[in-house]
Structures are given as structure tokens and as C-alpha cells.
Amino acid sequence: MSASDITQYFDYIFMAMLLCIGIAVIRLRNLFAVVMLTGAYSLISAAWFVSLDAVDVGFTEAAVGAGISTVLLLGAMLLTSREADETPLVRHLAALAVTVAAGVALFYALGDMPVYGDANSAANTGVGMDYVQLTAEQIHIPNVVTAVLASYRGFDTMGEVFVVFAAGLGVALLIGLGESKRKKG
């Protein structure tokens, strides 16, 4: 059994865990349990990304998805009721229709994806290989992913930081963290 076979088994385990957590999130009415399960979903997603050799995406998912999002959802949950209201059947059917349509579209697009590990795929030829070959020479950073994120995509990464900051500030303003106490009288 090769290392790629073991990794593939872990990928299947991660997918099964994500599916189980997704079903549990849909079925639960307790908002605290839903928030905690979405945090667990993000952590498992991060582990899956690391298994797929996308360490930068896994790190971001762990920090933003499991960390910041969970804290913001817990803070927002303090201002709401702890149990969700009953949802009409029509909304469940509409959500099911959207989910099924998205799933069908994803499976339709699956046939156009390259074979896993294909050396002739678009990611392994063209500009991608130029980055791999020229990064050490141009940037002098041994890790290609770090070099691309910090140098080639520096402005994009800075923009993402501003978006996350603006989202956090917006949530803080919505829940009233900047509001001063006023005396009624």
C-alpha cells in the first residue's frame, strides 16, 4: 500500500466526517451546538486541505473558519434566542432544490477536471511551472506558496486582510460593541 493510497483513505474519511457534520447542522435546533459543529466542520476542512497539500488554504480555514467565525458567531448568539424557530416545509424544499441543483452542476463539471496527479494538467504546466522555477531566483524565498502569497499576490492578500477587518468591524458595530451607555431620564 503506497502513501498516496493512505492519503486517499484519509480524504474519504474527511469527506464522510464533513457529510455527517453537515447533516447534523441541518437537523439541530440548538444554536450553540450548530455554532460548535460549524467550527468543527472548519477544522476538519482545514485538515483535509493539509492532506491535499494546500497548507496555506488549510491554515486560513483554521484561522478564519474555525477561529474568528466561531468567536463572532458565539458573540452574535449572545444577542439572540438559543433555539431556532420552526421552519416551514416550503423553505426546506427550496433549500433542497438549490442544493440538488448545485450538486448536479458540480458533478457535471467533474468530468472536465484533470486526473489527480496528472503531470500535463493546467496546474502543472504553463505559468504554474514558471512560478516554481523562478521563485527562488526572483524572490529568494524557498517556499513557493509563501513567495506567491507574500510577493506576487501581495496586494491581493492585503485586500483580503482589509475585507476580514471590515467584516469584523461590521459585526462589532451590529452587536453594539462601540455603543456607549446612555442614561435614560
C-alpha atoms as a PDB file:
ATOM      1  CA  MET A   1       0.000   0.000   0.000  1.00  0.00           C
ATOM      2  CA  SER A   2       1.556   3.310  -1.086  1.00  0.00           C
ATOM      3  CA  ALA A   3       1.432   6.654   0.697  1.00  0.00           C
ATOM      4  CA  SER A   4      -0.983   8.022  -1.905  1.00  0.00           C
ATOM      5  CA  ASP A   5      -3.420   5.195  -1.131  1.00  0.00           C
ATOM      6  CA  ILE A   6      -3.330   6.025   2.583  1.00  0.00           C
ATOM      7  CA  THR A   7      -3.852   9.717   1.814  1.00  0.00           C
ATOM      8  CA  GLN A   8      -6.827   8.843  -0.344  1.00  0.00           C
ATOM      9  CA  TYR A   9      -8.371   6.860   2.523  1.00  0.00           C
ATOM     10  CA  PHE A  10      -7.915   9.879   4.783  1.00  0.00           C
ATOM     11  CA  ASP A  11      -9.619  12.028   2.141  1.00  0.00           C
ATOM     12  CA  TYR A  12     -12.616   9.665   2.179  1.00  0.00           C
ATOM     13  CA  ILE A  13     -12.703   9.753   5.972  1.00  0.00           C
ATOM     14  CA  PHE A  14     -12.605  13.566   5.965  1.00  0.00           C
ATOM     15  CA  MET A  15     -15.414  13.712   3.385  1.00  0.00           C
ATOM     16  CA  ALA A  16     -17.547  11.314   5.438  1.00  0.00           C
ATOM     17  CA  MET A  17     -16.963  13.351   8.600  1.00  0.00           C
ATOM     18  CA  LEU A  18     -17.879  16.580   6.790  1.00  0.00           C
ATOM     19  CA  LEU A  19     -21.046  14.960   5.437  1.00  0.00           C
ATOM     20  CA  CYS A  20     -22.073  13.753   8.912  1.00  0.00           C
ATOM     21  CA  ILE A  21     -21.427  17.162  10.472  1.00  0.00           C
ATOM     22  CA  GLY A  22     -23.338  18.885   7.651  1.00  0.00           C
ATOM     23  CA  ILE A  23     -26.370  16.666   8.225  1.00  0.00           C
ATOM     24  CA  ALA A  24     -26.164  17.248  11.983  1.00  0.00           C
ATOM     25  CA  VAL A  25     -26.014  21.025  11.483  1.00  0.00           C
ATOM     26  CA  ILE A  26     -29.131  20.880   9.309  1.00  0.00           C
ATOM     27  CA  ARG A  27     -31.051  18.773  11.826  1.00  0.00           C
ATOM     28  CA  LEU A  28     -30.173  20.611  15.063  1.00  0.00           C
ATOM     29  CA  ARG A  29     -32.285  23.377  16.578  1.00  0.00           C
ATOM     30  CA  ASN A  30     -29.852  24.386  19.354  1.00  0.00           C
ATOM     31  CA  LEU A  31     -27.837  27.319  18.013  1.00  0.00           C
ATOM     32  CA  PHE A  32     -24.880  26.761  20.351  1.00  0.00           C
ATOM     33  CA  ALA A  33     -24.483  23.202  19.068  1.00  0.00           C
ATOM     34  CA  VAL A  34     -24.744  24.459  15.476  1.00  0.00           C
ATOM     35  CA  VAL A  35     -22.005  27.059  16.054  1.00  0.00           C
ATOM     36  CA  MET A  36     -19.718  24.473  17.664  1.00  0.00           C
ATOM     37  CA  LEU A  37     -20.329  21.985  14.843  1.00  0.00           C
ATOM     38  CA  THR A  38     -19.564  24.604  12.191  1.00  0.00           C
ATOM     39  CA  GLY A  39     -16.274  25.248  13.999  1.00  0.00           C
ATOM     40  CA  ALA A  40     -15.546  21.510  13.921  1.00  0.00           C
ATOM     41  CA  TYR A  41     -16.505  21.469  10.231  1.00  0.00           C
ATOM     42  CA  SER A  42     -13.936  24.190   9.569  1.00  0.00           C
ATOM     43  CA  LEU A  43     -11.230  22.328  11.481  1.00  0.00           C
ATOM     44  CA  ILE A  44     -11.873  19.113   9.555  1.00  0.00           C
ATOM     45  CA  SER A  45     -11.891  21.096   6.316  1.00  0.00           C
ATOM     46  CA  ALA A  46      -8.524  22.569   7.308  1.00  0.00           C
ATOM     47  CA  ALA A  47      -7.149  19.084   7.968  1.00  0.00           C
ATOM     48  CA  TRP A  48      -8.458  17.946   4.597  1.00  0.00           C
ATOM     49  CA  PHE A  49      -6.761  20.883   2.855  1.00  0.00           C
ATOM     50  CA  VAL A  50      -3.483  19.958   4.543  1.00  0.00           C
ATOM     51  CA  SER A  51      -3.979  16.375   3.346  1.00  0.00           C
ATOM     52  CA  LEU A  52      -4.389  17.762  -0.182  1.00  0.00           C
ATOM     53  CA  ASP A  53      -1.064  19.664   0.194  1.00  0.00           C
ATOM     54  CA  ALA A  54      -2.788  23.045   0.349  1.00  0.00           C
ATOM     55  CA  VAL A  55      -1.271  24.075   3.672  1.00  0.00           C
ATOM     56  CA  ASP A  56      -1.864  27.799   3.114  1.00  0.00           C
ATOM     57  CA  VAL A  57      -5.576  27.237   2.473  1.00  0.00           C
ATOM     58  CA  GLY A  58      -5.780  24.892   5.475  1.00  0.00           C
ATOM     59  CA  PHE A  59      -4.147  27.488   7.715  1.00  0.00           C
ATOM     60  CA  THR A  60      -6.531  30.178   6.511  1.00  0.00           C
ATOM     61  CA  GLU A  61      -9.542  27.898   7.007  1.00  0.00           C
ATOM     62  CA  ALA A  62      -8.425  27.054  10.542  1.00  0.00           C
ATOM     63  CA  ALA A  63      -7.791  30.693  11.466  1.00  0.00           C
ATOM     64  CA  VAL A  64     -10.796  32.313   9.816  1.00  0.00           C
ATOM     65  CA  GLY A  65     -13.324  29.472   9.648  1.00  0.00           C
ATOM     66  CA  ALA A  66     -12.735  27.769  12.972  1.00  0.00           C
ATOM     67  CA  GLY A  67     -11.272  30.688  14.889  1.00  0.00           C
ATOM     68  CA  ILE A  68     -12.656  34.091  14.019  1.00  0.00           C
ATOM     69  CA  SER A  69     -16.004  32.923  12.599  1.00  0.00           C
ATOM     70  CA  THR A  70     -16.771  30.765  15.627  1.00  0.00           C
ATOM     71  CA  VAL A  71     -15.968  33.599  18.026  1.00  0.00           C
ATOM     72  CA  LEU A  72     -18.096  36.067  16.033  1.00  0.00           C
ATOM     73  CA  LEU A  73     -20.994  33.609  15.840  1.00  0.00           C
ATOM     74  CA  LEU A  74     -20.812  32.967  19.590  1.00  0.00           C
ATOM     75  CA  GLY A  75     -20.814  36.724  20.224  1.00  0.00           C
ATOM     76  CA  ALA A  76     -23.787  37.245  17.930  1.00  0.00           C
ATOM     77  CA  MET A  77     -25.578  34.290  19.502  1.00  0.00           C
ATOM     78  CA  LEU A  78     -25.487  36.053  22.882  1.00  0.00           C
ATOM     79  CA  LEU A  79     -27.941  38.586  21.441  1.00  0.00           C
ATOM     80  CA  THR A  80     -30.394  36.013  20.072  1.00  0.00           C
ATOM     81  CA  SER A  81     -32.510  33.196  21.388  1.00  0.00           C
ATOM     82  CA  ARG A  82     -30.844  29.857  21.952  1.00  0.00           C
ATOM     83  CA  GLU A  83     -33.301  27.791  19.926  1.00  0.00           C
ATOM     84  CA  ALA A  84     -34.212  28.220  16.274  1.00  0.00           C
ATOM     85  CA  ASP A  85     -37.818  28.776  15.272  1.00  0.00           C
ATOM     86  CA  GLU A  86     -39.647  26.096  13.343  1.00  0.00           C
ATOM     87  CA  THR A  87     -39.043  26.464   9.591  1.00  0.00           C
ATOM     88  CA  PRO A  88     -41.906  25.963   7.111  1.00  0.00           C
ATOM     89  CA  LEU A  89     -41.679  22.957   4.793  1.00  0.00           C
ATOM     90  CA  VAL A  90     -41.615  25.230   1.703  1.00  0.00           C
ATOM     91  CA  ARG A  91     -38.279  26.723   2.794  1.00  0.00           C
ATOM     92  CA  HIS A  92     -36.850  23.243   3.342  1.00  0.00           C
ATOM     93  CA  LEU A  93     -37.915  22.210  -0.149  1.00  0.00           C
ATOM     94  CA  ALA A  94     -36.466  25.373  -1.686  1.00  0.00           C
ATOM     95  CA  ALA A  95     -33.148  24.797   0.096  1.00  0.00           C
ATOM     96  CA  LEU A  96     -33.167  21.176  -1.051  1.00  0.00           C
ATOM     97  CA  ALA A  97     -33.790  22.241  -4.660  1.00  0.00           C
ATOM     98  CA  VAL A  98     -30.892  24.725  -4.590  1.00  0.00           C
ATOM     99  CA  THR A  99     -28.589  22.149  -3.006  1.00  0.00           C
ATOM    100  CA  VAL A 100     -29.509  19.454  -5.515  1.00  0.00           C
ATOM    101  CA  ALA A 101     -29.040  21.882  -8.427  1.00  0.00           C
ATOM    102  CA  ALA A 102     -25.600  22.898  -7.126  1.00  0.00           C
ATOM    103  CA  GLY A 103     -24.656  19.240  -6.622  1.00  0.00           C
ATOM    104  CA  VAL A 104     -25.741  18.328 -10.151  1.00  0.00           C
ATOM    105  CA  ALA A 105     -23.708  21.246 -11.540  1.00  0.00           C
ATOM    106  CA  LEU A 106     -20.647  20.125  -9.582  1.00  0.00           C
ATOM    107  CA  PHE A 107     -20.959  16.541 -10.790  1.00  0.00           C
ATOM    108  CA  TYR A 108     -21.435  17.796 -14.348  1.00  0.00           C
ATOM    109  CA  ALA A 109     -18.206  19.809 -14.069  1.00  0.00           C
ATOM    110  CA  LEU A 110     -16.352  16.856 -12.553  1.00  0.00           C
ATOM    111  CA  GLY A 111     -15.802  15.324 -15.990  1.00  0.00           C
ATOM    112  CA  ASP A 112     -13.758  18.348 -17.097  1.00  0.00           C
ATOM    113  CA  MET A 113     -11.306  18.122 -14.217  1.00  0.00           C
ATOM    114  CA  PRO A 114      -7.839  16.695 -14.884  1.00  0.00           C
ATOM    115  CA  VAL A 115      -6.856  13.349 -13.437  1.00  0.00           C
ATOM    116  CA  TYR A 116      -5.408  13.682  -9.931  1.00  0.00           C
ATOM    117  CA  GLY A 117      -1.623  13.970 -10.197  1.00  0.00           C
ATOM    118  CA  ASP A 118      -1.611  14.445 -13.989  1.00  0.00           C
ATOM    119  CA  ALA A 119       1.724  15.997 -14.975  1.00  0.00           C
ATOM    120  CA  ASN A 120       0.149  17.518 -18.093  1.00  0.00           C
ATOM    121  CA  SER A 121      -2.705  19.277 -16.270  1.00  0.00           C
ATOM    122  CA  ALA A 122      -3.062  23.054 -16.472  1.00  0.00           C
ATOM    123  CA  ALA A 123      -1.807  23.480 -12.901  1.00  0.00           C
ATOM    124  CA  ASN A 124       1.407  21.607 -13.663  1.00  0.00           C
ATOM    125  CA  THR A 125       2.242  23.339 -16.943  1.00  0.00           C
ATOM    126  CA  GLY A 126       2.461  26.897 -18.196  1.00  0.00           C
ATOM    127  CA  VAL A 127       2.587  29.741 -15.718  1.00  0.00           C
ATOM    128  CA  GLY A 128       2.451  27.438 -12.674  1.00  0.00           C
ATOM    129  CA  MET A 129       5.762  25.855 -13.546  1.00  0.00           C
ATOM    130  CA  ASP A 130       7.234  29.301 -14.237  1.00  0.00           C
ATOM    131  CA  TYR A 131       6.428  30.280 -10.646  1.00  0.00           C
ATOM    132  CA  VAL A 132       8.042  27.113  -9.315  1.00  0.00           C
ATOM    133  CA  GLN A 133      11.194  27.586 -11.387  1.00  0.00           C
ATOM    134  CA  LEU A 134      11.639  31.356 -10.992  1.00  0.00           C
ATOM    135  CA  THR A 135      10.588  31.909  -7.374  1.00  0.00           C
ATOM    136  CA  ALA A 136      13.921  31.003  -5.785  1.00  0.00           C
ATOM    137  CA  GLU A 137      15.746  33.120  -8.347  1.00  0.00           C
ATOM    138  CA  GLN A 138      13.488  36.208  -8.247  1.00  0.00           C
ATOM    139  CA  ILE A 139      12.161  36.288  -4.692  1.00  0.00           C
ATOM    140  CA  HIS A 140      14.812  34.329  -2.746  1.00  0.00           C
ATOM    141  CA  ILE A 141      12.200  32.544  -0.628  1.00  0.00           C
ATOM    142  CA  PRO A 142      12.444  28.739  -0.663  1.00  0.00           C
ATOM    143  CA  ASN A 143       8.717  28.070  -0.091  1.00  0.00           C
ATOM    144  CA  VAL A 144       6.860  28.747  -3.353  1.00  0.00           C
ATOM    145  CA  VAL A 145       3.446  29.182  -1.700  1.00  0.00           C
ATOM    146  CA  THR A 146       4.786  31.752   0.753  1.00  0.00           C
ATOM    147  CA  ALA A 147       6.583  33.581  -2.051  1.00  0.00           C
ATOM    148  CA  VAL A 148       3.443  33.732  -4.196  1.00  0.00           C
ATOM    149  CA  LEU A 149       1.232  34.920  -1.323  1.00  0.00           C
ATOM    150  CA  ALA A 150       3.715  37.466   0.026  1.00  0.00           C
ATOM    151  CA  SER A 151       5.157  38.799  -3.207  1.00  0.00           C
ATOM    152  CA  TYR A 152       3.251  38.050  -6.382  1.00  0.00           C
ATOM    153  CA  ARG A 153      -0.149  38.260  -4.675  1.00  0.00           C
ATOM    154  CA  GLY A 154       0.817  40.795  -2.018  1.00  0.00           C
ATOM    155  CA  PHE A 155      -1.844  43.350  -2.880  1.00  0.00           C
ATOM    156  CA  ASP A 156      -4.498  40.644  -3.109  1.00  0.00           C
ATOM    157  CA  THR A 157      -3.527  39.306   0.326  1.00  0.00           C
ATOM    158  CA  MET A 158      -3.595  42.833   1.746  1.00  0.00           C
ATOM    159  CA  GLY A 159      -7.078  43.296   0.261  1.00  0.00           C
ATOM    160  CA  GLU A 160      -8.244  40.083   1.921  1.00  0.00           C
ATOM    161  CA  VAL A 161      -6.946  41.357   5.266  1.00  0.00           C
ATOM    162  CA  PHE A 162      -8.940  44.572   4.806  1.00  0.00           C
ATOM    163  CA  VAL A 163     -12.078  42.582   3.953  1.00  0.00           C
ATOM    164  CA  VAL A 164     -11.749  40.427   7.085  1.00  0.00           C
ATOM    165  CA  PHE A 165     -11.125  43.554   9.195  1.00  0.00           C
ATOM    166  CA  ALA A 166     -14.170  45.302   7.689  1.00  0.00           C
ATOM    167  CA  ALA A 167     -16.329  42.234   8.317  1.00  0.00           C
ATOM    168  CA  GLY A 168     -15.197  42.045  11.944  1.00  0.00           C
ATOM    169  CA  LEU A 169     -15.773  45.778  12.423  1.00  0.00           C
ATOM    170  CA  GLY A 170     -19.228  45.470  10.848  1.00  0.00           C
ATOM    171  CA  VAL A 171     -20.201  42.652  13.187  1.00  0.00           C
ATOM    172  CA  ALA A 172     -18.864  44.592  16.181  1.00  0.00           C
ATOM    173  CA  LEU A 173     -20.953  47.608  15.197  1.00  0.00           C
ATOM    174  CA  LEU A 174     -24.041  45.464  14.576  1.00  0.00           C
ATOM    175  CA  ILE A 175     -23.908  43.887  18.010  1.00  0.00           C
ATOM    176  CA  GLY A 176     -23.239  47.257  19.619  1.00  0.00           C
ATOM    177  CA  LEU A 177     -19.705  46.912  20.949  1.00  0.00           C
ATOM    178  CA  GLY A 178     -18.937  50.549  20.154  1.00  0.00           C
ATOM    179  CA  GLU A 179     -22.124  51.895  21.732  1.00  0.00           C
ATOM    180  CA  SER A 180     -21.791  53.957  24.901  1.00  0.00           C
ATOM    181  CA  LYS A 181     -24.200  53.528  27.776  1.00  0.00           C
ATOM    182  CA  ARG A 182     -26.710  56.348  27.876  1.00  0.00           C
ATOM    183  CA  LYS A 183     -28.654  57.367  30.912  1.00  0.00           C
ATOM    184  CA  LYS A 184     -32.385  57.400  30.398  1.00  0.00           C
ATOM    185  CA  GLY A 185     -34.080  60.154  32.219  1.00  0.00           C
END
